[in-house]
Amino acid sequence: MPQAVSPCLSCGACCACFRVDFSVHELLSEGGSVPDGLTVEVNGHTARMRGTDHVPVRCAALTGKLGQHVGCGIYEWRPSPCREFEAGSEACDRARARHGMAPLGA
């Protein structure tokens, strides 16, 4: 039986909508897995994915064309906010709406 394809692979709205802040302990240099080069320091305790505090928002790890075919360049090493984000959640629907996409449940 074929595995279902994630709707996230044709979306990417969350990666082009929200600021992504996380503990510096998730950085590779601090024993975590998130590559330091794709982040900026917020303060001594918090790091942020590059591009998520710019306008327009676009995470530096996002690859591909939004709404068509996208991916995360560091999927296996992504920070906790990305790991915890749920497809089809209220936040997902808000991000999709901001980019002219219908909610996943529609």
N, C-alpha and C. Protein backbone atom coordinates (compact mmCIF):
# COMPACT_ATOMS: atom_id res chain seq x y z
N MET A 1 0.84 -1.18 0.00
CA MET A 1 0.00 0.00 0.00
C MET A 1 0.88 1.25 0.00
N PRO A 2 0.67 2.19 -0.94
CA PRO A 2 1.51 3.38 -1.00
C PRO A 2 1.30 4.28 0.20
N GLN A 3 2.41 4.92 0.62
CA GLN A 3 2.35 5.84 1.75
C GLN A 3 1.77 7.17 1.30
N ALA A 4 0.92 7.77 2.13
CA ALA A 4 0.30 9.05 1.79
C ALA A 4 1.36 10.14 1.76
N VAL A 5 1.23 11.04 0.79
CA VAL A 5 2.15 12.16 0.66
C VAL A 5 1.68 13.28 1.57
N SER A 6 2.59 13.84 2.32
CA SER A 6 2.26 14.91 3.25
C SER A 6 1.81 16.16 2.50
N PRO A 7 0.73 16.80 2.95
CA PRO A 7 0.30 18.05 2.32
C PRO A 7 1.34 19.15 2.49
N CYS A 8 2.23 18.99 3.46
CA CYS A 8 3.27 19.99 3.71
C CYS A 8 4.24 20.10 2.54
N LEU A 9 4.40 19.02 1.77
CA LEU A 9 5.34 19.03 0.65
C LEU A 9 4.88 19.86 -0.53
N SER A 10 3.62 20.30 -0.49
CA SER A 10 3.14 21.20 -1.54
C SER A 10 2.67 22.52 -0.96
N CYS A 11 3.06 22.81 0.27
CA CYS A 11 2.57 24.02 0.93
C CYS A 11 3.72 24.95 1.31
N GLY A 12 4.26 24.78 2.51
CA GLY A 12 5.35 25.61 3.00
C GLY A 12 4.91 26.93 3.62
N ALA A 13 3.61 27.13 3.76
CA ALA A 13 3.09 28.40 4.28
C ALA A 13 3.62 28.72 5.67
N CYS A 14 3.73 27.72 6.53
CA CYS A 14 4.21 27.98 7.89
C CYS A 14 5.64 28.48 7.88
N CYS A 15 6.44 28.01 6.94
CA CYS A 15 7.85 28.42 6.84
C CYS A 15 7.99 29.82 6.26
N ALA A 16 6.90 30.35 5.75
CA ALA A 16 6.90 31.69 5.16
C ALA A 16 5.87 32.57 5.85
N CYS A 17 5.67 32.31 7.16
CA CYS A 17 4.64 33.05 7.89
C CYS A 17 5.03 33.40 9.31
N PHE A 18 5.73 32.51 10.00
CA PHE A 18 5.96 32.66 11.43
C PHE A 18 7.44 32.84 11.77
N ARG A 19 7.70 33.60 12.83
CA ARG A 19 9.03 33.70 13.41
C ARG A 19 9.31 32.39 14.13
N VAL A 20 10.52 31.87 13.98
CA VAL A 20 10.87 30.59 14.60
C VAL A 20 12.00 30.80 15.60
N ASP A 21 11.63 30.93 16.87
CA ASP A 21 12.57 31.09 17.97
C ASP A 21 12.66 29.80 18.77
N PHE A 22 13.84 29.51 19.29
CA PHE A 22 14.05 28.29 20.06
C PHE A 22 15.27 28.45 20.96
N SER A 23 15.44 27.54 21.88
CA SER A 23 16.56 27.58 22.82
C SER A 23 17.89 27.40 22.10
N VAL A 24 18.91 28.15 22.53
CA VAL A 24 20.24 28.00 21.94
C VAL A 24 20.78 26.59 22.16
N HIS A 25 20.23 25.85 23.10
CA HIS A 25 20.68 24.48 23.36
C HIS A 25 20.35 23.54 22.21
N GLU A 26 19.49 23.98 21.29
CA GLU A 26 19.18 23.18 20.11
C GLU A 26 20.19 23.38 18.99
N LEU A 27 21.09 24.35 19.13
CA LEU A 27 22.11 24.62 18.12
C LEU A 27 23.18 23.52 18.12
N LEU A 28 23.70 23.22 16.96
CA LEU A 28 24.75 22.21 16.81
C LEU A 28 25.94 22.53 17.72
N SER A 29 26.31 23.80 17.79
CA SER A 29 27.45 24.20 18.61
C SER A 29 27.21 24.02 20.11
N GLU A 30 25.96 23.86 20.48
CA GLU A 30 25.60 23.69 21.90
C GLU A 30 25.18 22.25 22.22
N GLY A 31 25.44 21.34 21.28
CA GLY A 31 25.10 19.94 21.50
C GLY A 31 23.79 19.51 20.88
N GLY A 32 23.09 20.43 20.21
CA GLY A 32 21.83 20.10 19.54
C GLY A 32 22.07 19.70 18.10
N SER A 33 21.09 19.94 17.25
CA SER A 33 21.21 19.49 15.85
C SER A 33 20.95 20.59 14.83
N VAL A 34 20.48 21.76 15.24
CA VAL A 34 20.16 22.83 14.28
C VAL A 34 21.46 23.52 13.84
N PRO A 35 21.74 23.54 12.52
CA PRO A 35 22.97 24.17 12.04
C PRO A 35 23.02 25.66 12.40
N ASP A 36 24.08 26.07 13.08
CA ASP A 36 24.25 27.45 13.52
C ASP A 36 24.17 28.45 12.37
N GLY A 37 24.70 28.09 11.21
CA GLY A 37 24.76 29.01 10.08
C GLY A 37 23.41 29.44 9.54
N LEU A 38 22.36 28.72 9.89
CA LEU A 38 21.02 29.08 9.42
C LEU A 38 20.23 29.83 10.48
N THR A 39 20.93 30.28 11.52
CA THR A 39 20.26 30.94 12.63
C THR A 39 20.91 32.28 12.94
N VAL A 40 20.18 33.09 13.70
CA VAL A 40 20.72 34.33 14.26
C VAL A 40 20.47 34.31 15.75
N GLU A 41 21.35 34.98 16.48
CA GLU A 41 21.17 35.05 17.93
C GLU A 41 20.14 36.11 18.26
N VAL A 42 19.20 35.79 19.12
CA VAL A 42 18.22 36.75 19.62
C VAL A 42 18.75 37.34 20.92
N ASN A 43 19.16 36.47 21.82
CA ASN A 43 19.82 36.86 23.07
C ASN A 43 20.63 35.66 23.52
N GLY A 44 21.18 35.68 24.69
CA GLY A 44 22.02 34.58 25.16
C GLY A 44 21.32 33.25 25.32
N HIS A 45 20.01 33.26 25.30
CA HIS A 45 19.24 32.04 25.54
C HIS A 45 18.41 31.59 24.34
N THR A 46 18.23 32.48 23.37
CA THR A 46 17.31 32.21 22.26
C THR A 46 17.98 32.43 20.92
N ALA A 47 17.71 31.52 19.99
CA ALA A 47 18.16 31.64 18.61
C ALA A 47 16.92 31.71 17.72
N ARG A 48 17.10 32.15 16.48
CA ARG A 48 15.98 32.29 15.54
C ARG A 48 16.44 31.80 14.17
N MET A 49 15.56 31.11 13.48
CA MET A 49 15.88 30.69 12.11
C MET A 49 16.01 31.94 11.24
N ARG A 50 17.10 32.00 10.47
CA ARG A 50 17.33 33.12 9.55
C ARG A 50 16.16 33.26 8.59
N GLY A 51 15.78 34.48 8.35
CA GLY A 51 14.71 34.77 7.40
C GLY A 51 13.32 34.83 8.00
N THR A 52 13.17 34.32 9.23
CA THR A 52 11.83 34.30 9.80
C THR A 52 11.48 35.61 10.51
N ASP A 53 12.43 36.54 10.55
CA ASP A 53 12.11 37.85 11.11
C ASP A 53 12.20 38.93 10.04
N HIS A 54 12.20 38.54 8.78
CA HIS A 54 12.21 39.48 7.66
C HIS A 54 10.81 39.62 7.08
N VAL A 55 10.64 40.63 6.25
CA VAL A 55 9.38 40.80 5.52
C VAL A 55 9.76 40.85 4.05
N PRO A 56 9.29 39.93 3.22
CA PRO A 56 8.41 38.82 3.60
C PRO A 56 9.18 37.73 4.35
N VAL A 57 8.45 37.03 5.21
CA VAL A 57 9.02 35.93 5.98
C VAL A 57 9.32 34.77 5.04
N ARG A 58 10.51 34.19 5.19
CA ARG A 58 10.85 32.95 4.49
C ARG A 58 12.05 32.34 5.20
N CYS A 59 11.83 31.21 5.83
CA CYS A 59 12.89 30.53 6.55
C CYS A 59 14.03 30.18 5.59
N ALA A 60 15.24 30.37 6.05
CA ALA A 60 16.42 30.08 5.23
C ALA A 60 16.51 28.61 4.85
N ALA A 61 15.87 27.72 5.60
CA ALA A 61 15.93 26.29 5.31
C ALA A 61 14.85 25.84 4.31
N LEU A 62 13.90 26.71 3.99
CA LEU A 62 12.82 26.36 3.07
C LEU A 62 13.35 26.32 1.64
N THR A 63 13.07 25.23 0.96
CA THR A 63 13.46 25.09 -0.44
C THR A 63 12.20 24.95 -1.30
N GLY A 64 12.30 25.29 -2.56
CA GLY A 64 11.20 25.11 -3.49
C GLY A 64 10.28 26.30 -3.61
N LYS A 65 9.16 26.07 -4.29
CA LYS A 65 8.19 27.12 -4.58
C LYS A 65 6.97 26.92 -3.69
N LEU A 66 6.69 27.94 -2.91
CA LEU A 66 5.57 27.94 -1.97
C LEU A 66 4.27 27.59 -2.69
N GLY A 67 3.48 26.70 -2.10
CA GLY A 67 2.19 26.31 -2.65
C GLY A 67 2.27 25.32 -3.79
N GLN A 68 3.49 24.93 -4.18
CA GLN A 68 3.64 23.97 -5.27
C GLN A 68 4.44 22.75 -4.86
N HIS A 69 5.71 22.97 -4.58
CA HIS A 69 6.58 21.87 -4.17
C HIS A 69 7.67 22.45 -3.28
N VAL A 70 7.65 22.08 -2.01
CA VAL A 70 8.60 22.63 -1.04
C VAL A 70 9.24 21.54 -0.19
N GLY A 71 10.27 21.92 0.50
CA GLY A 71 10.92 21.00 1.42
C GLY A 71 11.72 21.80 2.44
N CYS A 72 12.17 21.11 3.45
CA CYS A 72 13.01 21.71 4.48
C CYS A 72 14.42 21.18 4.29
N GLY A 73 15.37 22.08 4.08
CA GLY A 73 16.75 21.68 3.87
C GLY A 73 17.39 21.05 5.09
N ILE A 74 16.78 21.22 6.27
CA ILE A 74 17.32 20.65 7.50
C ILE A 74 16.25 19.84 8.24
N TYR A 75 15.37 19.21 7.52
CA TYR A 75 14.22 18.53 8.13
C TYR A 75 14.61 17.65 9.32
N GLU A 76 15.64 16.83 9.18
CA GLU A 76 16.05 15.93 10.26
C GLU A 76 16.62 16.70 11.45
N TRP A 77 17.08 17.92 11.22
CA TRP A 77 17.75 18.72 12.26
C TRP A 77 16.96 19.97 12.63
N ARG A 78 15.72 20.07 12.19
CA ARG A 78 14.91 21.27 12.42
C ARG A 78 14.67 21.51 13.92
N PRO A 79 14.43 22.77 14.31
CA PRO A 79 14.21 23.08 15.73
C PRO A 79 12.83 22.64 16.22
N SER A 80 12.67 22.65 17.54
CA SER A 80 11.45 22.16 18.17
C SER A 80 10.17 22.85 17.70
N PRO A 81 10.13 24.18 17.46
CA PRO A 81 8.86 24.76 17.00
C PRO A 81 8.39 24.14 15.68
N CYS A 82 9.34 23.79 14.83
CA CYS A 82 8.98 23.16 13.55
C CYS A 82 8.53 21.72 13.76
N ARG A 83 9.18 21.03 14.66
CA ARG A 83 8.80 19.64 14.96
C ARG A 83 7.41 19.58 15.58
N GLU A 84 7.05 20.60 16.35
CA GLU A 84 5.77 20.61 17.07
C GLU A 84 4.62 21.17 16.24
N PHE A 85 4.91 21.83 15.13
CA PHE A 85 3.86 22.43 14.31
C PHE A 85 3.02 21.34 13.66
N GLU A 86 1.70 21.48 13.72
CA GLU A 86 0.82 20.43 13.21
C GLU A 86 0.08 20.85 11.95
N ALA A 87 0.22 20.04 10.91
CA ALA A 87 -0.53 20.26 9.68
C ALA A 87 -2.01 20.19 10.01
N GLY A 88 -2.79 21.13 9.50
CA GLY A 88 -4.22 21.15 9.74
C GLY A 88 -4.64 21.86 11.01
N SER A 89 -3.67 22.34 11.79
CA SER A 89 -3.98 23.07 13.02
C SER A 89 -4.50 24.46 12.67
N GLU A 90 -5.00 25.16 13.69
CA GLU A 90 -5.47 26.54 13.49
C GLU A 90 -4.35 27.42 12.95
N ALA A 91 -3.14 27.25 13.48
CA ALA A 91 -1.99 28.04 13.01
C ALA A 91 -1.67 27.71 11.56
N CYS A 92 -1.78 26.45 11.20
CA CYS A 92 -1.56 26.02 9.81
C CYS A 92 -2.57 26.70 8.89
N ASP A 93 -3.83 26.67 9.29
CA ASP A 93 -4.88 27.29 8.47
C ASP A 93 -4.65 28.78 8.32
N ARG A 94 -4.19 29.47 9.38
CA ARG A 94 -3.88 30.91 9.31
C ARG A 94 -2.75 31.17 8.32
N ALA A 95 -1.71 30.36 8.41
CA ALA A 95 -0.57 30.53 7.50
C ALA A 95 -1.00 30.30 6.06
N ARG A 96 -1.77 29.27 5.83
CA ARG A 96 -2.24 28.97 4.47
C ARG A 96 -3.10 30.12 3.94
N ALA A 97 -3.99 30.66 4.80
CA ALA A 97 -4.85 31.77 4.39
C ALA A 97 -4.03 32.99 4.00
N ARG A 98 -2.95 33.26 4.74
CA ARG A 98 -2.10 34.42 4.43
C ARG A 98 -1.43 34.30 3.07
N HIS A 99 -1.35 33.07 2.58
CA HIS A 99 -0.75 32.84 1.26
C HIS A 99 -1.78 32.42 0.22
N GLY A 100 -3.05 32.68 0.53
CA GLY A 100 -4.12 32.43 -0.46
C GLY A 100 -4.45 30.97 -0.66
N MET A 101 -4.12 30.13 0.30
CA MET A 101 -4.43 28.70 0.18
C MET A 101 -5.60 28.33 1.10
N ALA A 102 -6.37 27.38 0.66
CA ALA A 102 -7.51 26.90 1.46
C ALA A 102 -7.01 26.10 2.66
N PRO A 103 -7.79 26.07 3.74
CA PRO A 103 -7.41 25.23 4.90
C PRO A 103 -7.32 23.77 4.46
N LEU A 104 -6.52 22.99 5.16
CA LEU A 104 -6.35 21.58 4.79
C LEU A 104 -7.65 20.80 4.90
N GLY A 105 -8.50 21.15 5.84
CA GLY A 105 -9.75 20.43 6.02
C GLY A 105 -10.83 20.79 5.00
N ALA A 106 -10.57 21.81 4.18
CA ALA A 106 -11.60 22.27 3.23
C ALA A 106 -11.72 21.36 2.03
